[in-house]
Amino acid sequence: MPQDYQKAIMQRMEQPGWVTTRGILRDPTGQADPDDYLALEEIMRELACQGQIVLWRLIVLEDGVELLTAARPGLELDKDLEERGAWAKAERYEP
């Protein structure tokens, strides 16, 4: 399963350039097993330490939910979301 997570993350770096934990787990409501989230977040931190992705905290404006988010290096997710008037804001996260 960890290799599947890594592959899914890297595929999303191509298009749209970022993905949240919920996006990888296909869990829009956040009800998946907490252990799956922990495993996925660890993989995301490893990829960030290797310089393959950059981590962000995505904060959903409606309810304040925070999601760990992977983005391709160079993508300024905070500015991208702001320019598009998105439903969330992003803050850089350092593992």
N, C-alpha and C. Protein backbone atom coordinates (compact mmCIF):
# COMPACT_ATOMS: atom_id res chain seq x y z
N MET A 1 0.81 -1.20 0.00
CA MET A 1 0.00 0.00 0.00
C MET A 1 0.86 1.27 0.00
N PRO A 2 1.93 1.37 0.77
CA PRO A 2 2.75 2.59 0.73
C PRO A 2 3.25 2.94 -0.66
N GLN A 3 3.63 1.95 -1.46
CA GLN A 3 4.10 2.25 -2.81
C GLN A 3 2.95 2.77 -3.67
N ASP A 4 1.73 2.28 -3.41
CA ASP A 4 0.56 2.79 -4.12
C ASP A 4 0.34 4.26 -3.78
N TYR A 5 0.49 4.61 -2.51
CA TYR A 5 0.35 6.00 -2.08
C TYR A 5 1.38 6.88 -2.78
N GLN A 6 2.62 6.42 -2.76
CA GLN A 6 3.69 7.21 -3.38
C GLN A 6 3.42 7.42 -4.87
N LYS A 7 3.00 6.37 -5.53
CA LYS A 7 2.70 6.47 -6.97
C LYS A 7 1.55 7.45 -7.21
N ALA A 8 0.51 7.36 -6.40
CA ALA A 8 -0.65 8.25 -6.56
C ALA A 8 -0.26 9.71 -6.33
N ILE A 9 0.56 9.96 -5.32
CA ILE A 9 1.02 11.32 -5.04
C ILE A 9 1.79 11.86 -6.24
N MET A 10 2.74 11.10 -6.73
CA MET A 10 3.58 11.58 -7.82
C MET A 10 2.78 11.78 -9.11
N GLN A 11 1.75 10.98 -9.33
CA GLN A 11 0.90 11.17 -10.51
C GLN A 11 0.16 12.50 -10.43
N ARG A 12 -0.27 12.86 -9.23
CA ARG A 12 -1.00 14.12 -9.05
C ARG A 12 -0.09 15.33 -9.18
N MET A 13 1.20 15.13 -9.05
CA MET A 13 2.13 16.25 -9.21
C MET A 13 2.16 16.70 -10.66
N GLU A 14 1.84 15.77 -11.56
CA GLU A 14 1.78 16.10 -12.99
C GLU A 14 0.57 16.98 -13.26
N GLN A 15 -0.57 16.58 -12.78
CA GLN A 15 -1.81 17.31 -13.00
C GLN A 15 -2.75 16.97 -11.88
N PRO A 16 -3.21 17.86 -11.08
CA PRO A 16 -3.19 19.30 -11.18
C PRO A 16 -1.98 19.97 -10.52
N GLY A 17 -1.08 19.18 -9.94
CA GLY A 17 0.11 19.76 -9.32
C GLY A 17 0.07 19.72 -7.80
N TRP A 18 -1.05 19.27 -7.24
CA TRP A 18 -1.15 19.14 -5.80
C TRP A 18 -2.27 18.16 -5.46
N VAL A 19 -2.22 17.63 -4.23
CA VAL A 19 -3.24 16.69 -3.79
C VAL A 19 -3.25 16.65 -2.26
N THR A 20 -4.42 16.49 -1.67
CA THR A 20 -4.55 16.35 -0.22
C THR A 20 -4.56 14.88 0.17
N THR A 21 -4.44 14.65 1.47
CA THR A 21 -4.54 13.27 1.97
C THR A 21 -5.89 12.68 1.61
N ARG A 22 -6.94 13.46 1.75
CA ARG A 22 -8.28 12.94 1.39
C ARG A 22 -8.36 12.59 -0.08
N GLY A 23 -7.68 13.34 -0.92
CA GLY A 23 -7.69 13.04 -2.35
C GLY A 23 -7.04 11.71 -2.66
N ILE A 24 -5.93 11.43 -2.00
CA ILE A 24 -5.24 10.14 -2.22
C ILE A 24 -6.07 8.98 -1.68
N LEU A 25 -6.66 9.18 -0.50
CA LEU A 25 -7.45 8.11 0.11
C LEU A 25 -8.87 8.01 -0.45
N ARG A 26 -9.21 8.96 -1.34
CA ARG A 26 -10.56 9.01 -1.92
C ARG A 26 -11.61 9.00 -0.80
N ASP A 27 -11.41 9.95 0.12
CA ASP A 27 -12.22 10.03 1.32
C ASP A 27 -12.69 11.47 1.54
N PRO A 28 -13.68 11.94 0.77
CA PRO A 28 -14.08 13.34 0.86
C PRO A 28 -14.60 13.77 2.22
N THR A 29 -15.09 12.84 3.01
CA THR A 29 -15.66 13.21 4.31
C THR A 29 -14.68 13.06 5.46
N GLY A 30 -13.50 12.48 5.22
CA GLY A 30 -12.52 12.31 6.29
C GLY A 30 -12.84 11.19 7.25
N GLN A 31 -13.54 10.18 6.79
CA GLN A 31 -13.95 9.09 7.66
C GLN A 31 -13.09 7.83 7.53
N ALA A 32 -12.03 7.88 6.73
CA ALA A 32 -11.17 6.70 6.54
C ALA A 32 -10.43 6.37 7.83
N ASP A 33 -9.84 5.22 7.87
CA ASP A 33 -9.09 4.74 9.02
C ASP A 33 -7.95 5.72 9.35
N PRO A 34 -7.87 6.20 10.59
CA PRO A 34 -6.80 7.12 10.98
C PRO A 34 -5.40 6.57 10.71
N ASP A 35 -5.24 5.26 10.77
CA ASP A 35 -3.94 4.65 10.49
C ASP A 35 -3.54 4.85 9.03
N ASP A 36 -4.53 4.85 8.13
CA ASP A 36 -4.25 5.11 6.72
C ASP A 36 -3.74 6.54 6.54
N TYR A 37 -4.36 7.46 7.25
CA TYR A 37 -3.90 8.85 7.19
C TYR A 37 -2.48 9.00 7.71
N LEU A 38 -2.19 8.34 8.84
CA LEU A 38 -0.84 8.42 9.41
C LEU A 38 0.20 7.85 8.46
N ALA A 39 -0.10 6.72 7.85
CA ALA A 39 0.84 6.10 6.90
C ALA A 39 1.06 7.01 5.70
N LEU A 40 0.00 7.58 5.18
CA LEU A 40 0.09 8.46 4.03
C LEU A 40 0.88 9.73 4.37
N GLU A 41 0.62 10.32 5.51
CA GLU A 41 1.34 11.52 5.92
C GLU A 41 2.83 11.25 6.08
N GLU A 42 3.18 10.07 6.57
CA GLU A 42 4.60 9.73 6.71
C GLU A 42 5.27 9.64 5.33
N ILE A 43 4.59 9.05 4.38
CA ILE A 43 5.12 8.96 3.01
C ILE A 43 5.28 10.37 2.44
N MET A 44 4.31 11.23 2.68
CA MET A 44 4.39 12.60 2.18
C MET A 44 5.60 13.32 2.79
N ARG A 45 5.82 13.13 4.08
CA ARG A 45 6.98 13.76 4.73
C ARG A 45 8.29 13.23 4.15
N GLU A 46 8.36 11.93 3.88
CA GLU A 46 9.57 11.34 3.28
C GLU A 46 9.83 11.95 1.90
N LEU A 47 8.80 12.05 1.08
CA LEU A 47 8.95 12.63 -0.25
C LEU A 47 9.38 14.09 -0.17
N ALA A 48 8.85 14.81 0.82
CA ALA A 48 9.25 16.21 1.00
C ALA A 48 10.72 16.30 1.42
N CYS A 49 11.15 15.44 2.30
CA CYS A 49 12.56 15.45 2.72
C CYS A 49 13.50 15.12 1.56
N GLN A 50 13.01 14.36 0.59
CA GLN A 50 13.80 14.03 -0.60
C GLN A 50 13.72 15.13 -1.66
N GLY A 51 12.90 16.14 -1.41
CA GLY A 51 12.77 17.25 -2.35
C GLY A 51 11.85 16.98 -3.53
N GLN A 52 11.10 15.88 -3.48
CA GLN A 52 10.22 15.54 -4.60
C GLN A 52 8.90 16.30 -4.57
N ILE A 53 8.48 16.71 -3.37
CA ILE A 53 7.25 17.48 -3.20
C ILE A 53 7.48 18.55 -2.14
N VAL A 54 6.55 19.47 -2.05
CA VAL A 54 6.53 20.48 -0.99
C VAL A 54 5.23 20.28 -0.23
N LEU A 55 5.29 20.38 1.09
CA LEU A 55 4.09 20.17 1.90
C LEU A 55 3.42 21.48 2.27
N TRP A 56 2.10 21.42 2.29
CA TRP A 56 1.26 22.55 2.68
C TRP A 56 0.17 22.04 3.60
N ARG A 57 -0.37 22.94 4.41
CA ARG A 57 -1.59 22.68 5.16
C ARG A 57 -2.70 23.39 4.40
N LEU A 58 -3.66 22.63 3.93
CA LEU A 58 -4.82 23.20 3.25
C LEU A 58 -5.89 23.39 4.32
N ILE A 59 -6.42 24.59 4.43
CA ILE A 59 -7.41 24.90 5.45
C ILE A 59 -8.72 25.22 4.73
N VAL A 60 -9.71 24.37 4.96
CA VAL A 60 -11.02 24.55 4.34
C VAL A 60 -11.72 25.71 5.03
N LEU A 61 -12.09 26.73 4.27
CA LEU A 61 -12.65 27.95 4.84
C LEU A 61 -14.00 27.72 5.53
N GLU A 62 -14.80 26.84 4.99
CA GLU A 62 -16.15 26.62 5.52
C GLU A 62 -16.14 26.08 6.95
N ASP A 63 -15.26 25.11 7.23
CA ASP A 63 -15.30 24.48 8.55
C ASP A 63 -13.96 24.44 9.28
N GLY A 64 -12.91 25.00 8.68
CA GLY A 64 -11.62 25.06 9.35
C GLY A 64 -10.83 23.75 9.36
N VAL A 65 -11.32 22.73 8.68
CA VAL A 65 -10.61 21.46 8.61
C VAL A 65 -9.26 21.68 7.93
N GLU A 66 -8.20 21.08 8.51
CA GLU A 66 -6.86 21.18 7.93
C GLU A 66 -6.45 19.84 7.35
N LEU A 67 -5.90 19.88 6.13
CA LEU A 67 -5.48 18.68 5.43
C LEU A 67 -4.03 18.83 5.00
N LEU A 68 -3.23 17.80 5.23
CA LEU A 68 -1.87 17.82 4.71
C LEU A 68 -1.95 17.68 3.20
N THR A 69 -1.18 18.50 2.52
CA THR A 69 -1.26 18.59 1.06
C THR A 69 0.13 18.53 0.45
N ALA A 70 0.27 17.75 -0.60
CA ALA A 70 1.52 17.67 -1.35
C ALA A 70 1.38 18.49 -2.61
N ALA A 71 2.42 19.26 -2.92
CA ALA A 71 2.42 20.05 -4.16
C ALA A 71 3.76 19.90 -4.85
N ARG A 72 3.75 20.08 -6.15
CA ARG A 72 5.01 20.00 -6.88
C ARG A 72 5.88 21.19 -6.48
N PRO A 73 7.17 20.99 -6.42
CA PRO A 73 8.07 22.09 -6.08
C PRO A 73 7.88 23.26 -7.06
N GLY A 74 7.87 24.45 -6.51
CA GLY A 74 7.70 25.65 -7.33
C GLY A 74 6.26 26.12 -7.43
N LEU A 75 5.30 25.26 -7.10
CA LEU A 75 3.90 25.66 -7.14
C LEU A 75 3.60 26.43 -5.85
N GLU A 76 3.20 27.66 -5.98
CA GLU A 76 2.84 28.48 -4.83
C GLU A 76 1.35 28.29 -4.57
N LEU A 77 1.05 27.22 -3.86
CA LEU A 77 -0.34 26.82 -3.66
C LEU A 77 -1.15 27.91 -2.98
N ASP A 78 -0.56 28.60 -2.04
CA ASP A 78 -1.30 29.66 -1.34
C ASP A 78 -1.75 30.74 -2.31
N LYS A 79 -0.86 31.18 -3.16
CA LYS A 79 -1.20 32.23 -4.13
C LYS A 79 -2.16 31.71 -5.19
N ASP A 80 -1.96 30.48 -5.63
CA ASP A 80 -2.84 29.89 -6.63
C ASP A 80 -4.28 29.85 -6.13
N LEU A 81 -4.47 29.38 -4.91
CA LEU A 81 -5.82 29.30 -4.36
C LEU A 81 -6.43 30.68 -4.17
N GLU A 82 -5.63 31.61 -3.70
CA GLU A 82 -6.12 32.97 -3.49
C GLU A 82 -6.56 33.61 -4.81
N GLU A 83 -5.75 33.44 -5.84
CA GLU A 83 -6.07 34.03 -7.15
C GLU A 83 -7.35 33.46 -7.74
N ARG A 84 -7.60 32.19 -7.44
CA ARG A 84 -8.80 31.55 -7.98
C ARG A 84 -10.02 31.74 -7.09
N GLY A 85 -9.84 32.39 -5.93
CA GLY A 85 -10.97 32.57 -5.01
C GLY A 85 -11.48 31.23 -4.53
N ALA A 86 -10.56 30.32 -4.22
CA ALA A 86 -10.91 28.95 -3.87
C ALA A 86 -11.60 28.85 -2.51
N TRP A 87 -12.09 27.69 -2.21
CA TRP A 87 -12.81 27.35 -0.99
C TRP A 87 -11.88 27.06 0.18
N ALA A 88 -10.58 27.23 -0.05
CA ALA A 88 -9.59 26.92 0.99
C ALA A 88 -8.40 27.85 0.84
N LYS A 89 -7.61 27.91 1.90
CA LYS A 89 -6.34 28.62 1.83
C LYS A 89 -5.25 27.63 2.19
N ALA A 90 -4.02 27.99 1.85
CA ALA A 90 -2.90 27.07 2.10
C ALA A 90 -1.80 27.81 2.85
N GLU A 91 -1.16 27.08 3.74
CA GLU A 91 0.01 27.57 4.47
C GLU A 91 1.12 26.56 4.33
N ARG A 92 2.32 27.03 4.11
CA ARG A 92 3.48 26.15 3.96
C ARG A 92 3.68 25.34 5.23
N TYR A 93 4.03 24.06 5.09
CA TYR A 93 4.24 23.15 6.21
C TYR A 93 5.64 22.56 6.10
N GLU A 94 6.40 22.66 7.15
CA GLU A 94 7.74 22.08 7.17
C GLU A 94 7.72 20.82 8.03
N PRO A 95 8.11 19.70 7.45
CA PRO A 95 8.10 18.43 8.23
C PRO A 95 9.15 18.41 9.33
